[in-house]
Protein backbone atom coordinates (compact mmCIF):
# COMPACT_ATOMS: atom_id res chain seq x y z
CA MET A 1 14.47 31.16 -4.60
CA LEU A 2 14.74 27.80 -5.24
CA ARG A 3 14.87 27.35 -1.26
CA THR A 4 11.58 29.08 -1.06
CA SER A 5 9.87 27.07 -3.90
CA PHE A 6 10.39 24.28 -2.74
CA VAL A 7 9.11 25.08 0.82
CA LEU A 8 5.83 26.39 -0.70
CA ALA A 9 5.98 23.22 -2.65
CA THR A 10 6.25 21.40 0.80
CA VAL A 11 3.68 23.13 1.85
CA LEU A 12 0.88 22.37 -0.81
CA LEU A 13 1.09 18.78 -0.77
CA LEU A 14 0.71 18.56 3.36
CA THR A 15 -2.27 20.87 2.63
CA ASN A 16 -3.75 18.29 -0.20
CA VAL A 17 -2.78 15.49 1.79
CA LEU A 18 -4.46 16.47 5.54
CA HIS A 19 -7.62 17.90 3.62
CA ALA A 20 -8.06 14.42 1.79
CA ALA A 21 -11.18 12.81 2.32
CA SER A 22 -10.48 9.33 1.10
CA ILE A 23 -7.92 7.38 -0.53
CA TYR A 24 -9.82 7.78 -3.47
CA ASP A 25 -7.45 11.33 -3.51
CA PHE A 26 -4.92 9.43 -4.43
CA THR A 27 -3.37 8.12 -7.49
CA LEU A 28 -0.26 6.00 -7.93
CA ASN A 29 1.11 4.36 -10.61
CA SER A 30 0.94 0.89 -11.91
CA ILE A 31 3.82 -1.56 -11.94
CA ASP A 32 3.90 -0.73 -16.14
CA SER A 33 3.66 3.24 -14.58
CA LYS A 34 -0.11 3.57 -16.40
CA PRO A 35 -1.54 6.65 -13.52
CA VAL A 36 -4.01 4.10 -10.98
CA PRO A 37 -6.72 6.53 -9.43
CA LEU A 38 -7.28 5.13 -6.40
CA SER A 39 -10.69 6.61 -7.20
CA GLU A 40 -11.02 2.95 -9.40
CA TYR A 41 -11.48 0.83 -6.36
CA LYS A 42 -14.64 2.62 -4.98
CA GLY A 43 -16.75 0.03 -3.48
CA LYS A 44 -14.16 -2.80 -2.82
CA VAL A 45 -12.46 -3.41 0.16
CA LEU A 46 -8.43 -2.60 -0.30
CA MET A 47 -5.63 -4.17 1.41
CA LEU A 48 -2.55 -1.73 0.71
CA VAL A 49 0.74 -3.12 1.59
CA ASN A 50 4.14 -2.32 1.19
CA VAL A 51 6.39 -5.16 -0.36
CA ALA A 52 9.77 -5.64 -0.47
CA SER A 53 11.10 -8.66 -2.97
CA ARG A 54 14.14 -9.59 -0.56
CA CYS A 55 13.10 -9.30 3.14
CA GLY A 56 12.23 -11.82 5.77
CA TYR A 57 8.48 -11.08 5.36
CA THR A 58 9.08 -12.03 1.31
CA PRO A 59 7.08 -14.84 1.78
CA GLN A 60 4.21 -13.42 2.56
CA TYR A 61 3.54 -12.62 -1.31
CA THR A 62 2.20 -16.03 -1.04
CA GLY A 63 -0.45 -15.69 1.98
CA LEU A 64 -1.40 -12.28 0.59
CA GLU A 65 -2.38 -13.92 -2.82
CA SER A 66 -4.04 -16.65 -0.84
CA LEU A 67 -6.23 -14.23 0.75
CA TYR A 68 -6.46 -11.94 -2.11
CA GLU A 69 -8.28 -15.41 -3.87
CA LYS A 70 -10.58 -16.18 -1.08
CA TYR A 71 -12.25 -13.13 -1.44
CA LYS A 72 -11.61 -11.27 -4.77
CA SER A 73 -15.38 -12.50 -5.71
CA GLN A 74 -16.74 -10.47 -2.95
CA GLY A 75 -14.86 -6.89 -3.80
CA PHE A 76 -11.60 -7.84 -1.79
CA VAL A 77 -8.51 -6.27 -3.64
CA ILE A 78 -4.77 -6.29 -2.56
CA LEU A 79 -2.35 -3.26 -3.85
CA GLY A 80 1.03 -4.42 -3.84
CA ILE A 81 3.28 -1.63 -3.47
CA PRO A 82 6.82 -1.80 -3.43
CA ALA A 83 9.17 0.72 -1.54
CA ASN A 84 12.99 0.24 -1.04
CA ASN A 85 12.91 2.52 2.47
CA PHE A 86 14.67 -0.49 4.44
CA ALA A 87 17.65 -1.91 4.09
CA GLY A 88 17.18 -2.07 0.59
CA GLN A 89 15.74 -4.93 0.32
CA GLU A 90 13.59 -3.86 -3.26
CA PRO A 91 16.51 -2.67 -5.25
CA GLY A 92 14.51 -3.62 -8.26
CA THR A 93 13.14 -1.83 -11.29
CA ASN A 94 9.48 -1.89 -11.67
CA ALA A 95 9.99 -4.81 -14.42
CA GLU A 96 12.36 -6.65 -12.21
CA ILE A 97 10.04 -6.94 -9.04
CA LYS A 98 6.82 -7.69 -11.76
CA THR A 99 8.63 -10.68 -13.15
CA PHE A 100 9.69 -11.90 -9.18
CA CYS A 101 6.76 -11.84 -8.08
CA LYS A 102 4.93 -13.81 -11.08
CA SER A 103 7.41 -15.89 -11.47
CA LYS A 104 8.17 -16.80 -7.70
CA TYR A 105 4.68 -15.99 -6.01
CA ALA A 106 2.51 -16.45 -8.70
CA VAL A 107 0.95 -12.91 -7.89
CA THR A 108 -1.74 -12.24 -9.77
CA PHE A 109 -3.07 -8.96 -7.41
CA PRO A 110 -2.71 -5.86 -8.91
CA MET A 111 1.33 -4.48 -8.10
CA MET A 112 2.54 -0.71 -8.37
CA SER A 113 5.60 1.39 -8.93
CA LYS A 114 7.50 1.73 -6.37
CA ILE A 115 7.31 4.31 -4.47
CA SER A 116 8.48 5.59 -1.04
CA VAL A 117 6.96 4.82 2.55
CA ALA A 118 9.03 6.87 4.35
CA GLY A 119 11.09 9.63 4.85
CA ALA A 120 11.65 13.45 3.38
CA ASP A 121 10.23 11.49 0.47
CA LYS A 122 7.08 9.93 1.50
CA THR A 123 4.44 9.57 -1.18
CA PRO A 124 1.39 12.01 -0.17
CA LEU A 125 -0.72 8.08 0.04
CA TYR A 126 1.51 7.57 2.53
CA GLN A 127 1.78 10.94 4.50
CA TYR A 128 -2.18 10.36 4.43
CA LEU A 129 -1.97 7.17 5.87
CA THR A 130 0.47 7.29 8.81
CA SER A 131 -0.97 10.44 10.01
CA ASN A 132 -4.60 9.36 10.05
CA GLY A 133 -5.98 8.78 13.61
CA LYS A 134 -5.73 5.35 14.86
CA THR A 135 -3.06 4.45 11.64
CA SER A 136 -0.84 7.09 12.63
CA GLY A 137 2.79 6.40 13.28
CA GLU A 138 5.57 5.80 10.54
CA ILE A 139 6.68 2.69 8.67
CA GLN A 140 8.71 0.29 10.27
CA TRP A 141 9.61 -2.43 7.52
CA ASN A 142 8.28 -3.64 5.00
CA PHE A 143 4.72 -5.47 5.03
CA THR A 144 2.99 -3.39 6.54
CA LYS A 145 -0.68 -3.38 5.60
CA PHE A 146 -3.35 -1.13 5.95
CA LEU A 147 -7.56 -2.39 5.23
CA ILE A 148 -9.58 0.00 3.66
CA GLY A 149 -13.50 -0.47 4.04
CA ARG A 150 -15.46 0.07 0.54
CA ASP A 151 -15.76 3.95 1.23
CA GLY A 152 -12.64 4.55 1.09
CA GLN A 153 -11.66 4.70 4.88
CA ILE A 154 -8.61 3.55 6.73
CA LEU A 155 -10.18 0.72 9.23
CA ALA A 156 -7.34 -1.10 10.43
CA ARG A 157 -3.63 -1.12 10.03
CA PHE A 158 -1.42 -4.77 10.43
CA GLU A 159 2.31 -4.50 11.28
CA PRO A 160 4.65 -6.93 9.58
CA ALA A 161 4.64 -9.62 11.70
CA VAL A 162 0.88 -9.71 11.18
CA THR A 163 0.69 -12.87 8.75
CA PRO A 164 -1.98 -12.67 5.80
CA ASP A 165 -3.58 -16.07 7.59
CA ASP A 166 -3.68 -14.41 10.80
CA PRO A 167 -7.26 -14.78 12.37
CA SER A 168 -7.53 -11.32 13.41
CA LEU A 169 -6.25 -10.03 9.73
CA ASN A 170 -8.96 -12.27 8.37
CA VAL A 171 -11.69 -11.40 10.99
CA ALA A 172 -11.37 -7.46 9.52
CA VAL A 173 -11.45 -8.33 6.25
CA GLU A 174 -14.29 -10.82 6.47
CA LYS A 175 -16.14 -7.89 8.50
CA ALA A 176 -15.31 -4.55 5.69
CA LEU A 177 -17.00 -7.51 3.35
CA GLN A 178 -20.47 -7.64 4.96
């Protein structure tokens, strides 16, 4: 009976993910555990980034903050989404992550609660992001970036080695903001 319920719940979840029209169909929790429907960002250009505090790419927080500061007045928002899926590089609590981001990198862009972006417990948003045409494929590491248009549609995916100051990323953001 328990297994049947689990299978049914999984099928319903996947059905919802496959029928999502845009990222606006999903809700995450803020770093302070308050529900944040992504529909609150309608009309904005978003960059979703799975982040970690103890990763070789962690210094990208500096570049992400600069990118956010540069374009936020034009309707650009970065959502930092902590995940502990890769080598245990985000072991902290939400409160610890929030403190780390503010004190070490002066992060002002919105941070979400820690989620899973890979594996059997992957959150529905990341199921959607990784099974959606040109951006499909499993997340391989921390600091994978998804660029989302003002209409909630996925525009591009940038792998971790693409830094926030990379010209190709900046051109894509500028084009999305036009």
